[in-house]
Amino acid sequence: MAHHWDPALWATESYLLARSHAYDVPKDGRIDQDYFDKNIPVIERRLSVAGVRLAALLNVIFDETKELPF
């Protein structure tokens, strides 16, 4: 599995998701259950991806036979 060790890429991913989801507030400005229902899966996915990336990085850091990817 190829890893992308670029925090700028990660930030860009989050920014694009924020624009397409989190900032898509209803015209009346009211955030209701539909807004949460739409965005919770995105948040859960981002947390999962962050966990996998952190785990991969920690595996490299604590494996003395591997070189850091950055």
PDB file of N, CA and C in Angstrom:
ATOM      1  N   MET A   1       0.847  -1.182   0.000  1.00  0.00           N
ATOM      2  CA  MET A   1       0.000   0.000   0.000  1.00  0.00           C
ATOM      3  C   MET A   1       0.892   1.246   0.000  1.00  0.00           C
ATOM      4  N   ALA A   2       0.670   2.092  -0.942  1.00  0.00           N
ATOM      5  CA  ALA A   2       1.448   3.333  -1.009  1.00  0.00           C
ATOM      6  C   ALA A   2       0.881   4.345  -0.026  1.00  0.00           C
ATOM      7  N   HIS A   3       1.782   5.022   0.653  1.00  0.00           N
ATOM      8  CA  HIS A   3       1.364   6.045   1.602  1.00  0.00           C
ATOM      9  C   HIS A   3       1.725   7.413   1.038  1.00  0.00           C
ATOM     10  N   HIS A   4       0.861   8.338   1.258  1.00  0.00           N
ATOM     11  CA  HIS A   4       1.132   9.712   0.856  1.00  0.00           C
ATOM     12  C   HIS A   4       1.451  10.479   2.126  1.00  0.00           C
ATOM     13  N   TRP A   5       2.708  10.777   2.319  1.00  0.00           N
ATOM     14  CA  TRP A   5       3.167  11.414   3.550  1.00  0.00           C
ATOM     15  C   TRP A   5       3.199  12.924   3.378  1.00  0.00           C
ATOM     16  N   ASP A   6       2.157  13.480   2.883  1.00  0.00           N
ATOM     17  CA  ASP A   6       2.131  14.909   2.599  1.00  0.00           C
ATOM     18  C   ASP A   6       0.996  15.576   3.375  1.00  0.00           C
ATOM     19  N   PRO A   7       1.313  16.201   4.511  1.00  0.00           N
ATOM     20  CA  PRO A   7       0.269  16.868   5.286  1.00  0.00           C
ATOM     21  C   PRO A   7      -0.492  17.935   4.486  1.00  0.00           C
ATOM     22  N   ALA A   8       0.147  18.546   3.504  1.00  0.00           N
ATOM     23  CA  ALA A   8      -0.550  19.524   2.659  1.00  0.00           C
ATOM     24  C   ALA A   8      -1.657  18.831   1.861  1.00  0.00           C
ATOM     25  N   LEU A   9      -1.395  17.619   1.394  1.00  0.00           N
ATOM     26  CA  LEU A   9      -2.414  16.840   0.684  1.00  0.00           C
ATOM     27  C   LEU A   9      -3.569  16.522   1.627  1.00  0.00           C
ATOM     28  N   TRP A  10      -3.257  16.121   2.857  1.00  0.00           N
ATOM     29  CA  TRP A  10      -4.290  15.797   3.835  1.00  0.00           C
ATOM     30  C   TRP A  10      -5.145  17.028   4.127  1.00  0.00           C
ATOM     31  N   ALA A  11      -4.501  18.167   4.282  1.00  0.00           N
ATOM     32  CA  ALA A  11      -5.239  19.409   4.550  1.00  0.00           C
ATOM     33  C   ALA A  11      -6.129  19.777   3.363  1.00  0.00           C
ATOM     34  N   THR A  12      -5.623  19.584   2.153  1.00  0.00           N
ATOM     35  CA  THR A  12      -6.411  19.881   0.956  1.00  0.00           C
ATOM     36  C   THR A  12      -7.631  18.974   0.879  1.00  0.00           C
ATOM     37  N   GLU A  13      -7.444  17.684   1.197  1.00  0.00           N
ATOM     38  CA  GLU A  13      -8.575  16.763   1.223  1.00  0.00           C
ATOM     39  C   GLU A  13      -9.657  17.264   2.186  1.00  0.00           C
ATOM     40  N   SER A  14      -9.227  17.634   3.380  1.00  0.00           N
ATOM     41  CA  SER A  14     -10.178  18.105   4.387  1.00  0.00           C
ATOM     42  C   SER A  14     -10.849  19.405   3.954  1.00  0.00           C
ATOM     43  N   TYR A  15     -10.085  20.301   3.374  1.00  0.00           N
ATOM     44  CA  TYR A  15     -10.630  21.574   2.897  1.00  0.00           C
ATOM     45  C   TYR A  15     -11.712  21.341   1.839  1.00  0.00           C
ATOM     46  N   LEU A  16     -11.429  20.459   0.889  1.00  0.00           N
ATOM     47  CA  LEU A  16     -12.405  20.199  -0.168  1.00  0.00           C
ATOM     48  C   LEU A  16     -13.675  19.559   0.387  1.00  0.00           C
ATOM     49  N   LEU A  17     -13.523  18.672   1.353  1.00  0.00           N
ATOM     50  CA  LEU A  17     -14.700  18.072   1.985  1.00  0.00           C
ATOM     51  C   LEU A  17     -15.473  19.106   2.794  1.00  0.00           C
ATOM     52  N   ALA A  18     -14.770  19.994   3.459  1.00  0.00           N
ATOM     53  CA  ALA A  18     -15.449  21.051   4.211  1.00  0.00           C
ATOM     54  C   ALA A  18     -16.264  21.937   3.268  1.00  0.00           C
ATOM     55  N   ARG A  19     -15.682  22.278   2.128  1.00  0.00           N
ATOM     56  CA  ARG A  19     -16.402  23.118   1.160  1.00  0.00           C
ATOM     57  C   ARG A  19     -17.643  22.427   0.630  1.00  0.00           C
ATOM     58  N   SER A  20     -17.532  21.127   0.357  1.00  0.00           N
ATOM     59  CA  SER A  20     -18.653  20.421  -0.259  1.00  0.00           C
ATOM     60  C   SER A  20     -19.669  19.900   0.757  1.00  0.00           C
ATOM     61  N   HIS A  21     -19.310  19.882   2.025  1.00  0.00           N
ATOM     62  CA  HIS A  21     -20.217  19.339   3.029  1.00  0.00           C
ATOM     63  C   HIS A  21     -20.468  20.318   4.176  1.00  0.00           C
ATOM     64  N   ALA A  22     -19.458  20.556   4.991  1.00  0.00           N
ATOM     65  CA  ALA A  22     -19.645  21.337   6.219  1.00  0.00           C
ATOM     66  C   ALA A  22     -20.118  22.761   5.925  1.00  0.00           C
ATOM     67  N   TYR A  23     -19.612  23.366   4.864  1.00  0.00           N
ATOM     68  CA  TYR A  23     -19.990  24.745   4.550  1.00  0.00           C
ATOM     69  C   TYR A  23     -21.279  24.826   3.743  1.00  0.00           C
ATOM     70  N   ASP A  24     -21.868  23.687   3.460  1.00  0.00           N
ATOM     71  CA  ASP A  24     -23.126  23.645   2.714  1.00  0.00           C
ATOM     72  C   ASP A  24     -24.292  23.799   3.696  1.00  0.00           C
ATOM     73  N   VAL A  25     -24.353  24.970   4.303  1.00  0.00           N
ATOM     74  CA  VAL A  25     -25.376  25.278   5.303  1.00  0.00           C
ATOM     75  C   VAL A  25     -26.657  25.673   4.564  1.00  0.00           C
ATOM     76  N   PRO A  26     -27.793  25.228   5.057  1.00  0.00           N
ATOM     77  CA  PRO A  26     -29.055  25.614   4.416  1.00  0.00           C
ATOM     78  C   PRO A  26     -29.186  27.138   4.300  1.00  0.00           C
ATOM     79  N   LYS A  27     -29.907  27.569   3.296  1.00  0.00           N
ATOM     80  CA  LYS A  27     -30.055  29.008   3.024  1.00  0.00           C
ATOM     81  C   LYS A  27     -30.605  29.791   4.212  1.00  0.00           C
ATOM     82  N   ASP A  28     -31.438  29.147   5.023  1.00  0.00           N
ATOM     83  CA  ASP A  28     -31.989  29.856   6.178  1.00  0.00           C
ATOM     84  C   ASP A  28     -31.010  29.887   7.362  1.00  0.00           C
ATOM     85  N   GLY A  29     -29.848  29.226   7.192  1.00  0.00           N
ATOM     86  CA  GLY A  29     -28.828  29.248   8.231  1.00  0.00           C
ATOM     87  C   GLY A  29     -29.080  28.290   9.384  1.00  0.00           C
ATOM     88  N   ARG A  30     -30.169  27.568   9.321  1.00  0.00           N
ATOM     89  CA  ARG A  30     -30.507  26.641  10.408  1.00  0.00           C
ATOM     90  C   ARG A  30     -29.867  25.278  10.149  1.00  0.00           C
ATOM     91  N   ILE A  31     -29.110  24.831  11.107  1.00  0.00           N
ATOM     92  CA  ILE A  31     -28.478  23.525  11.019  1.00  0.00           C
ATOM     93  C   ILE A  31     -29.374  22.546  11.765  1.00  0.00           C
ATOM     94  N   ASP A  32     -29.908  21.586  11.022  1.00  0.00           N
ATOM     95  CA  ASP A  32     -30.857  20.650  11.612  1.00  0.00           C
ATOM     96  C   ASP A  32     -30.334  19.221  11.518  1.00  0.00           C
ATOM     97  N   GLN A  33     -31.182  18.263  11.819  1.00  0.00           N
ATOM     98  CA  GLN A  33     -30.776  16.863  11.827  1.00  0.00           C
ATOM     99  C   GLN A  33     -30.320  16.404  10.450  1.00  0.00           C
ATOM    100  N   ASP A  34     -30.940  16.896   9.384  1.00  0.00           N
ATOM    101  CA  ASP A  34     -30.526  16.507   8.033  1.00  0.00           C
ATOM    102  C   ASP A  34     -29.073  16.908   7.768  1.00  0.00           C
ATOM    103  N   TYR A  35     -28.689  18.092   8.246  1.00  0.00           N
ATOM    104  CA  TYR A  35     -27.310  18.565   8.097  1.00  0.00           C
ATOM    105  C   TYR A  35     -26.360  17.595   8.806  1.00  0.00           C
ATOM    106  N   PHE A  36     -26.692  17.238  10.039  1.00  0.00           N
ATOM    107  CA  PHE A  36     -25.848  16.308  10.784  1.00  0.00           C
ATOM    108  C   PHE A  36     -25.803  14.942  10.106  1.00  0.00           C
ATOM    109  N   ASP A  37     -26.946  14.456   9.670  1.00  0.00           N
ATOM    110  CA  ASP A  37     -27.003  13.148   9.012  1.00  0.00           C
ATOM    111  C   ASP A  37     -26.137  13.116   7.756  1.00  0.00           C
ATOM    112  N   LYS A  38     -26.073  14.227   7.063  1.00  0.00           N
ATOM    113  CA  LYS A  38     -25.270  14.316   5.846  1.00  0.00           C
ATOM    114  C   LYS A  38     -23.777  14.354   6.174  1.00  0.00           C
ATOM    115  N   ASN A  39     -23.409  14.999   7.263  1.00  0.00           N
ATOM    116  CA  ASN A  39     -21.996  15.249   7.546  1.00  0.00           C
ATOM    117  C   ASN A  39     -21.331  14.257   8.485  1.00  0.00           C
ATOM    118  N   ILE A  40     -22.073  13.588   9.338  1.00  0.00           N
ATOM    119  CA  ILE A  40     -21.459  12.646  10.269  1.00  0.00           C
ATOM    120  C   ILE A  40     -20.672  11.548   9.542  1.00  0.00           C
ATOM    121  N   PRO A  41     -21.171  10.958   8.454  1.00  0.00           N
ATOM    122  CA  PRO A  41     -20.361   9.941   7.760  1.00  0.00           C
ATOM    123  C   PRO A  41     -19.036  10.500   7.230  1.00  0.00           C
ATOM    124  N   VAL A  42     -19.040  11.744   6.794  1.00  0.00           N
ATOM    125  CA  VAL A  42     -17.805  12.370   6.301  1.00  0.00           C
ATOM    126  C   VAL A  42     -16.818  12.514   7.450  1.00  0.00           C
ATOM    127  N   ILE A  43     -17.297  12.959   8.592  1.00  0.00           N
ATOM    128  CA  ILE A  43     -16.438  13.120   9.769  1.00  0.00           C
ATOM    129  C   ILE A  43     -15.885  11.766  10.203  1.00  0.00           C
ATOM    130  N   GLU A  44     -16.750  10.766  10.267  1.00  0.00           N
ATOM    131  CA  GLU A  44     -16.297   9.437  10.674  1.00  0.00           C
ATOM    132  C   GLU A  44     -15.242   8.894   9.722  1.00  0.00           C
ATOM    133  N   ARG A  45     -15.418   9.117   8.442  1.00  0.00           N
ATOM    134  CA  ARG A  45     -14.439   8.655   7.447  1.00  0.00           C
ATOM    135  C   ARG A  45     -13.108   9.376   7.612  1.00  0.00           C
ATOM    136  N   ARG A  46     -13.155  10.686   7.823  1.00  0.00           N
ATOM    137  CA  ARG A  46     -11.908  11.450   8.005  1.00  0.00           C
ATOM    138  C   ARG A  46     -11.166  10.982   9.251  1.00  0.00           C
ATOM    139  N   LEU A  47     -11.897  10.699  10.328  1.00  0.00           N
ATOM    140  CA  LEU A  47     -11.257  10.197  11.540  1.00  0.00           C
ATOM    141  C   LEU A  47     -10.627   8.824  11.296  1.00  0.00           C
ATOM    142  N   SER A  48     -11.305   7.986  10.547  1.00  0.00           N
ATOM    143  CA  SER A  48     -10.756   6.667  10.223  1.00  0.00           C
ATOM    144  C   SER A  48      -9.476   6.788   9.400  1.00  0.00           C
ATOM    145  N   VAL A  49      -9.510   7.633   8.391  1.00  0.00           N
ATOM    146  CA  VAL A  49      -8.331   7.839   7.549  1.00  0.00           C
ATOM    147  C   VAL A  49      -7.180   8.396   8.383  1.00  0.00           C
ATOM    148  N   ALA A  50      -7.469   9.342   9.255  1.00  0.00           N
ATOM    149  CA  ALA A  50      -6.424   9.914  10.112  1.00  0.00           C
ATOM    150  C   ALA A  50      -5.823   8.839  11.007  1.00  0.00           C
ATOM    151  N   GLY A  51      -6.660   7.959  11.541  1.00  0.00           N
ATOM    152  CA  GLY A  51      -6.152   6.883  12.389  1.00  0.00           C
ATOM    153  C   GLY A  51      -5.242   5.934  11.636  1.00  0.00           C
ATOM    154  N   VAL A  52      -5.618   5.583  10.426  1.00  0.00           N
ATOM    155  CA  VAL A  52      -4.791   4.696   9.604  1.00  0.00           C
ATOM    156  C   VAL A  52      -3.467   5.376   9.273  1.00  0.00           C
ATOM    157  N   ARG A  53      -3.517   6.640   8.927  1.00  0.00           N
ATOM    158  CA  ARG A  53      -2.283   7.370   8.606  1.00  0.00           C
ATOM    159  C   ARG A  53      -1.376   7.467   9.823  1.00  0.00           C
ATOM    160  N   LEU A  54      -1.955   7.753  10.976  1.00  0.00           N
ATOM    161  CA  LEU A  54      -1.158   7.833  12.200  1.00  0.00           C
ATOM    162  C   LEU A  54      -0.541   6.479  12.531  1.00  0.00           C
ATOM    163  N   ALA A  55      -1.319   5.419  12.422  1.00  0.00           N
ATOM    164  CA  ALA A  55      -0.807   4.077  12.700  1.00  0.00           C
ATOM    165  C   ALA A  55       0.351   3.732  11.757  1.00  0.00           C
ATOM    166  N   ALA A  56       0.203   4.034  10.489  1.00  0.00           N
ATOM    167  CA  ALA A  56       1.264   3.747   9.518  1.00  0.00           C
ATOM    168  C   ALA A  56       2.524   4.533   9.853  1.00  0.00           C
ATOM    169  N   LEU A  57       2.357   5.782  10.202  1.00  0.00           N
ATOM    170  CA  LEU A  57       3.511   6.615  10.545  1.00  0.00           C
ATOM    171  C   LEU A  57       4.193   6.092  11.810  1.00  0.00           C
ATOM    172  N   LEU A  58       3.413   5.731  12.816  1.00  0.00           N
ATOM    173  CA  LEU A  58       4.003   5.191  14.042  1.00  0.00           C
ATOM    174  C   LEU A  58       4.722   3.865  13.782  1.00  0.00           C
ATOM    175  N   ASN A  59       4.164   3.047  12.904  1.00  0.00           N
ATOM    176  CA  ASN A  59       4.842   1.800  12.547  1.00  0.00           C
ATOM    177  C   ASN A  59       6.208   2.070  11.938  1.00  0.00           C
ATOM    178  N   VAL A  60       6.289   3.068  11.081  1.00  0.00           N
ATOM    179  CA  VAL A  60       7.575   3.406  10.467  1.00  0.00           C
ATOM    180  C   VAL A  60       8.522   3.986  11.518  1.00  0.00           C
ATOM    181  N   ILE A  61       8.025   4.873  12.358  1.00  0.00           N
ATOM    182  CA  ILE A  61       8.870   5.510  13.370  1.00  0.00           C
ATOM    183  C   ILE A  61       9.484   4.467  14.306  1.00  0.00           C
ATOM    184  N   PHE A  62       8.694   3.486  14.730  1.00  0.00           N
ATOM    185  CA  PHE A  62       9.167   2.523  15.705  1.00  0.00           C
ATOM    186  C   PHE A  62       9.778   1.260  15.099  1.00  0.00           C
ATOM    187  N   ASP A  63       9.830   1.173  13.784  1.00  0.00           N
ATOM    188  CA  ASP A  63      10.516   0.073  13.116  1.00  0.00           C
ATOM    189  C   ASP A  63      11.916   0.556  12.751  1.00  0.00           C
ATOM    190  N   GLU A  64      12.879   0.124  13.509  1.00  0.00           N
ATOM    191  CA  GLU A  64      14.252   0.616  13.331  1.00  0.00           C
ATOM    192  C   GLU A  64      14.872   0.223  11.996  1.00  0.00           C
ATOM    193  N   THR A  65      14.244  -0.719  11.268  1.00  0.00           N
ATOM    194  CA  THR A  65      14.804  -1.150   9.989  1.00  0.00           C
ATOM    195  C   THR A  65      14.318  -0.296   8.822  1.00  0.00           C
ATOM    196  N   LYS A  66      13.351   0.579   9.086  1.00  0.00           N
ATOM    197  CA  LYS A  66      12.797   1.397   8.014  1.00  0.00           C
ATOM    198  C   LYS A  66      13.263   2.848   8.142  1.00  0.00           C
ATOM    199  N   GLU A  67      13.296   3.498   7.014  1.00  0.00           N
ATOM    200  CA  GLU A  67      13.669   4.902   6.959  1.00  0.00           C
ATOM    201  C   GLU A  67      12.392   5.753   6.948  1.00  0.00           C
ATOM    202  N   LEU A  68      12.432   6.871   7.652  1.00  0.00           N
ATOM    203  CA  LEU A  68      11.278   7.765   7.658  1.00  0.00           C
ATOM    204  C   LEU A  68      10.974   8.243   6.244  1.00  0.00           C
ATOM    205  N   PRO A  69       9.699   8.342   5.899  1.00  0.00           N
ATOM    206  CA  PRO A  69       9.316   8.704   4.524  1.00  0.00           C
ATOM    207  C   PRO A  69       9.411  10.186   4.215  1.00  0.00           C
ATOM    208  N   PHE A  70       9.919  10.962   5.116  1.00  0.00           N
ATOM    209  CA  PHE A  70      10.006  12.413   4.868  1.00  0.00           C
ATOM    210  C   PHE A  70      11.323  12.937   5.344  1.00  0.00           C
TER     211      PHE A  70
END
